[in-house]
Amino acid sequence: MRIGELAARTGVSVRALRYYEQQDLLAAERSPGGQRHFPDSAVDRVQLIQQLFTAGLPSKSIVDLLPCVVNGRATPELLDRLSTERDRIDQQIADLVNTRDRLDSLISNVTANWRTGKRCRPQRPHDDRPTRAC
């Protein structure tokens, strides 16, 4: 498939796909006219690359781990790096869950105050005026 079709099937811009190719994350065959042609498997590979970027992995780490994805082999060093990345992602998830729970509590408190007719002024840093607690 050509680069435009791969972009359409993955929701990734042509520019990003070219970047992936420059970073050795993705490979294409070239036609005699110089057009890129990707195998059908490129769709899954681009989706994996996107997930790894979204999780915060840099392109260098992704390049190093892609052979492991393809052939299932990894060095002990690579396994250590992957474990470290997984632990970092677990911490991000825990932090996001904590933030969501705090927002849920805030939303619940503010909603309850609005229903009871209480109004509260937000506390501003360095503001010594008394405020009603929300």
C-alpha atoms as a PDB file:
ATOM      1  CA  MET A   1       0.000   0.000   0.000  1.00  0.00           C
ATOM      2  CA  ARG A   2       1.150   3.551  -0.609  1.00  0.00           C
ATOM      3  CA  ILE A   3       1.908   6.007   2.161  1.00  0.00           C
ATOM      4  CA  GLY A   4      -1.393   7.873   1.787  1.00  0.00           C
ATOM      5  CA  GLU A   5      -3.368   4.675   2.252  1.00  0.00           C
ATOM      6  CA  LEU A   6      -1.288   3.715   5.303  1.00  0.00           C
ATOM      7  CA  ALA A   7      -1.934   7.172   6.728  1.00  0.00           C
ATOM      8  CA  ALA A   8      -5.676   6.803   6.131  1.00  0.00           C
ATOM      9  CA  ARG A   9      -5.828   3.302   7.635  1.00  0.00           C
ATOM     10  CA  THR A  10      -3.889   4.260  10.765  1.00  0.00           C
ATOM     11  CA  GLY A  11      -4.994   7.846  11.327  1.00  0.00           C
ATOM     12  CA  VAL A  12      -1.343   8.927  11.321  1.00  0.00           C
ATOM     13  CA  SER A  13      -0.176  11.767   9.123  1.00  0.00           C
ATOM     14  CA  VAL A  14       2.015  11.166   6.085  1.00  0.00           C
ATOM     15  CA  ARG A  15       4.573  13.429   7.716  1.00  0.00           C
ATOM     16  CA  ALA A  16       4.659  11.236  10.833  1.00  0.00           C
ATOM     17  CA  LEU A  17       5.053   8.114   8.701  1.00  0.00           C
ATOM     18  CA  ARG A  18       8.014   9.703   6.937  1.00  0.00           C
ATOM     19  CA  TYR A  19       9.491  10.518  10.342  1.00  0.00           C
ATOM     20  CA  TYR A  20       9.021   6.883  11.431  1.00  0.00           C
ATOM     21  CA  GLU A  21      10.865   5.815   8.315  1.00  0.00           C
ATOM     22  CA  GLN A  22      13.719   8.271   9.020  1.00  0.00           C
ATOM     23  CA  GLN A  23      13.997   6.917  12.565  1.00  0.00           C
ATOM     24  CA  ASP A  24      14.143   3.297  11.294  1.00  0.00           C
ATOM     25  CA  LEU A  25      10.826   2.508  12.946  1.00  0.00           C
ATOM     26  CA  LEU A  26       9.150   1.656   9.652  1.00  0.00           C
ATOM     27  CA  ALA A  27      10.466   0.384   6.346  1.00  0.00           C
ATOM     28  CA  ALA A  28       9.055   0.687   2.854  1.00  0.00           C
ATOM     29  CA  GLU A  29       9.941  -0.735  -0.518  1.00  0.00           C
ATOM     30  CA  ARG A  30      10.426   1.798  -3.274  1.00  0.00           C
ATOM     31  CA  SER A  31       8.814   1.522  -6.685  1.00  0.00           C
ATOM     32  CA  PRO A  32      10.872   2.290  -9.806  1.00  0.00           C
ATOM     33  CA  GLY A  33       9.247   5.745  -9.670  1.00  0.00           C
ATOM     34  CA  GLY A  34      10.412   6.229  -6.073  1.00  0.00           C
ATOM     35  CA  GLN A  35       7.016   5.801  -4.401  1.00  0.00           C
ATOM     36  CA  ARG A  36       6.902   4.133  -0.984  1.00  0.00           C
ATOM     37  CA  HIS A  37       5.046   0.831  -0.745  1.00  0.00           C
ATOM     38  CA  PHE A  38       4.289  -0.683   2.648  1.00  0.00           C
ATOM     39  CA  PRO A  39       3.186  -4.236   3.455  1.00  0.00           C
ATOM     40  CA  ASP A  40      -0.189  -4.796   5.106  1.00  0.00           C
ATOM     41  CA  SER A  41       1.665  -5.568   8.349  1.00  0.00           C
ATOM     42  CA  ALA A  42       2.715  -1.905   8.492  1.00  0.00           C
ATOM     43  CA  VAL A  43      -0.743  -1.023   9.868  1.00  0.00           C
ATOM     44  CA  ASP A  44      -0.155  -3.054  13.041  1.00  0.00           C
ATOM     45  CA  ARG A  45       3.398  -1.753  13.329  1.00  0.00           C
ATOM     46  CA  VAL A  46       2.281   1.886  13.081  1.00  0.00           C
ATOM     47  CA  GLN A  47      -0.418   1.289  15.686  1.00  0.00           C
ATOM     48  CA  LEU A  48       2.184  -0.220  18.035  1.00  0.00           C
ATOM     49  CA  ILE A  49       4.558   2.687  17.430  1.00  0.00           C
ATOM     50  CA  GLN A  50       1.732   5.118  18.208  1.00  0.00           C
ATOM     51  CA  GLN A  51       0.905   3.308  21.448  1.00  0.00           C
ATOM     52  CA  LEU A  52       4.532   3.329  22.540  1.00  0.00           C
ATOM     53  CA  PHE A  53       4.933   7.034  21.722  1.00  0.00           C
ATOM     54  CA  THR A  54       1.712   7.782  23.609  1.00  0.00           C
ATOM     55  CA  ALA A  55       3.104   5.894  26.601  1.00  0.00           C
ATOM     56  CA  GLY A  56       6.116   8.187  26.540  1.00  0.00           C
ATOM     57  CA  LEU A  57       8.791   5.973  25.018  1.00  0.00           C
ATOM     58  CA  PRO A  58      11.336   7.827  22.890  1.00  0.00           C
ATOM     59  CA  SER A  59      11.982   6.710  19.319  1.00  0.00           C
ATOM     60  CA  LYS A  60      15.411   5.296  20.298  1.00  0.00           C
ATOM     61  CA  SER A  61      13.798   2.915  22.786  1.00  0.00           C
ATOM     62  CA  ILE A  62      11.147   1.924  20.272  1.00  0.00           C
ATOM     63  CA  VAL A  63      13.795   1.171  17.628  1.00  0.00           C
ATOM     64  CA  ASP A  64      15.587  -1.055  20.117  1.00  0.00           C
ATOM     65  CA  LEU A  65      12.514  -3.033  21.091  1.00  0.00           C
ATOM     66  CA  LEU A  66      10.919  -3.539  17.660  1.00  0.00           C
ATOM     67  CA  PRO A  67      13.168  -6.511  16.778  1.00  0.00           C
ATOM     68  CA  CYS A  68      11.933  -8.145  19.965  1.00  0.00           C
ATOM     69  CA  VAL A  69       8.367  -7.668  18.739  1.00  0.00           C
ATOM     70  CA  VAL A  70       9.200  -9.148  15.336  1.00  0.00           C
ATOM     71  CA  ASN A  71      11.256 -12.196  16.357  1.00  0.00           C
ATOM     72  CA  GLY A  72      10.399 -12.584  20.056  1.00  0.00           C
ATOM     73  CA  ARG A  73      14.017 -12.400  21.209  1.00  0.00           C
ATOM     74  CA  ALA A  74      15.498  -9.913  23.647  1.00  0.00           C
ATOM     75  CA  THR A  75      18.723  -9.385  25.512  1.00  0.00           C
ATOM     76  CA  PRO A  76      18.700  -9.183  29.309  1.00  0.00           C
ATOM     77  CA  GLU A  77      19.505  -5.475  28.969  1.00  0.00           C
ATOM     78  CA  LEU A  78      16.504  -4.907  26.730  1.00  0.00           C
ATOM     79  CA  LEU A  79      14.255  -6.805  29.135  1.00  0.00           C
ATOM     80  CA  ASP A  80      15.506  -4.573  31.954  1.00  0.00           C
ATOM     81  CA  ARG A  81      14.718  -1.461  29.883  1.00  0.00           C
ATOM     82  CA  LEU A  82      11.280  -2.772  29.035  1.00  0.00           C
ATOM     83  CA  SER A  83      10.603  -3.526  32.701  1.00  0.00           C
ATOM     84  CA  THR A  84      11.719  -0.016  33.645  1.00  0.00           C
ATOM     85  CA  GLU A  85       9.397   1.493  31.015  1.00  0.00           C
ATOM     86  CA  ARG A  86       6.519  -0.687  32.224  1.00  0.00           C
ATOM     87  CA  ASP A  87       7.122   0.451  35.829  1.00  0.00           C
ATOM     88  CA  ARG A  88       7.168   4.088  34.688  1.00  0.00           C
ATOM     89  CA  ILE A  89       3.868   3.584  32.865  1.00  0.00           C
ATOM     90  CA  ASP A  90       2.375   1.900  35.952  1.00  0.00           C
ATOM     91  CA  GLN A  91       3.362   4.954  38.004  1.00  0.00           C
ATOM     92  CA  GLN A  92       1.792   7.272  35.413  1.00  0.00           C
ATOM     93  CA  ILE A  93      -1.416   5.254  35.599  1.00  0.00           C
ATOM     94  CA  ALA A  94      -1.448   5.428  39.400  1.00  0.00           C
ATOM     95  CA  ASP A  95      -0.863   9.196  39.275  1.00  0.00           C
ATOM     96  CA  LEU A  96      -3.663   9.663  36.747  1.00  0.00           C
ATOM     97  CA  VAL A  97      -6.075   7.552  38.803  1.00  0.00           C
ATOM     98  CA  ASN A  98      -5.222   9.614  41.893  1.00  0.00           C
ATOM     99  CA  THR A  99      -5.810  12.851  39.971  1.00  0.00           C
ATOM    100  CA  ARG A 100      -9.116  11.553  38.603  1.00  0.00           C
ATOM    101  CA  ASP A 101     -10.253  10.549  42.099  1.00  0.00           C
ATOM    102  CA  ARG A 102      -9.408  14.012  43.459  1.00  0.00           C
ATOM    103  CA  LEU A 103     -11.326  15.635  40.602  1.00  0.00           C
ATOM    104  CA  ASP A 104     -14.299  13.327  41.247  1.00  0.00           C
ATOM    105  CA  SER A 105     -14.277  14.399  44.906  1.00  0.00           C
ATOM    106  CA  LEU A 106     -14.072  18.072  43.981  1.00  0.00           C
ATOM    107  CA  ILE A 107     -16.887  17.742  41.445  1.00  0.00           C
ATOM    108  CA  SER A 108     -19.020  15.915  43.982  1.00  0.00           C
ATOM    109  CA  ASN A 109     -18.430  18.570  46.683  1.00  0.00           C
ATOM    110  CA  VAL A 110     -19.084  21.503  44.375  1.00  0.00           C
ATOM    111  CA  THR A 111     -22.204  19.858  42.955  1.00  0.00           C
ATOM    112  CA  ALA A 112     -23.530  19.221  46.468  1.00  0.00           C
ATOM    113  CA  ASN A 113     -22.894  22.860  47.447  1.00  0.00           C
ATOM    114  CA  TRP A 114     -24.681  24.147  44.358  1.00  0.00           C
ATOM    115  CA  ARG A 115     -27.677  21.953  45.079  1.00  0.00           C
ATOM    116  CA  THR A 116     -27.931  23.238  48.647  1.00  0.00           C
ATOM    117  CA  GLY A 117     -27.572  26.843  47.510  1.00  0.00           C
ATOM    118  CA  LYS A 118     -24.156  27.351  49.074  1.00  0.00           C
ATOM    119  CA  ARG A 119     -21.783  29.400  47.049  1.00  0.00           C
ATOM    120  CA  CYS A 120     -18.105  29.502  47.673  1.00  0.00           C
ATOM    121  CA  ARG A 121     -15.409  31.788  46.410  1.00  0.00           C
ATOM    122  CA  PRO A 122     -12.304  29.996  45.202  1.00  0.00           C
ATOM    123  CA  GLN A 123      -9.300  30.441  47.474  1.00  0.00           C
ATOM    124  CA  ARG A 124      -6.513  32.276  45.707  1.00  0.00           C
ATOM    125  CA  PRO A 125      -2.869  32.031  46.720  1.00  0.00           C
ATOM    126  CA  HIS A 126      -1.867  34.819  49.110  1.00  0.00           C
ATOM    127  CA  ASP A 127      -5.512  35.795  49.658  1.00  0.00           C
ATOM    128  CA  ASP A 128      -6.156  36.261  53.386  1.00  0.00           C
ATOM    129  CA  ARG A 129      -9.864  37.044  53.073  1.00  0.00           C
ATOM    130  CA  PRO A 130     -12.087  34.427  54.675  1.00  0.00           C
ATOM    131  CA  THR A 131     -13.789  32.024  52.306  1.00  0.00           C
ATOM    132  CA  ARG A 132     -16.580  29.564  52.682  1.00  0.00           C
ATOM    133  CA  ALA A 133     -15.252  26.023  52.333  1.00  0.00           C
ATOM    134  CA  CYS A 134     -16.583  24.071  49.418  1.00  0.00           C
END
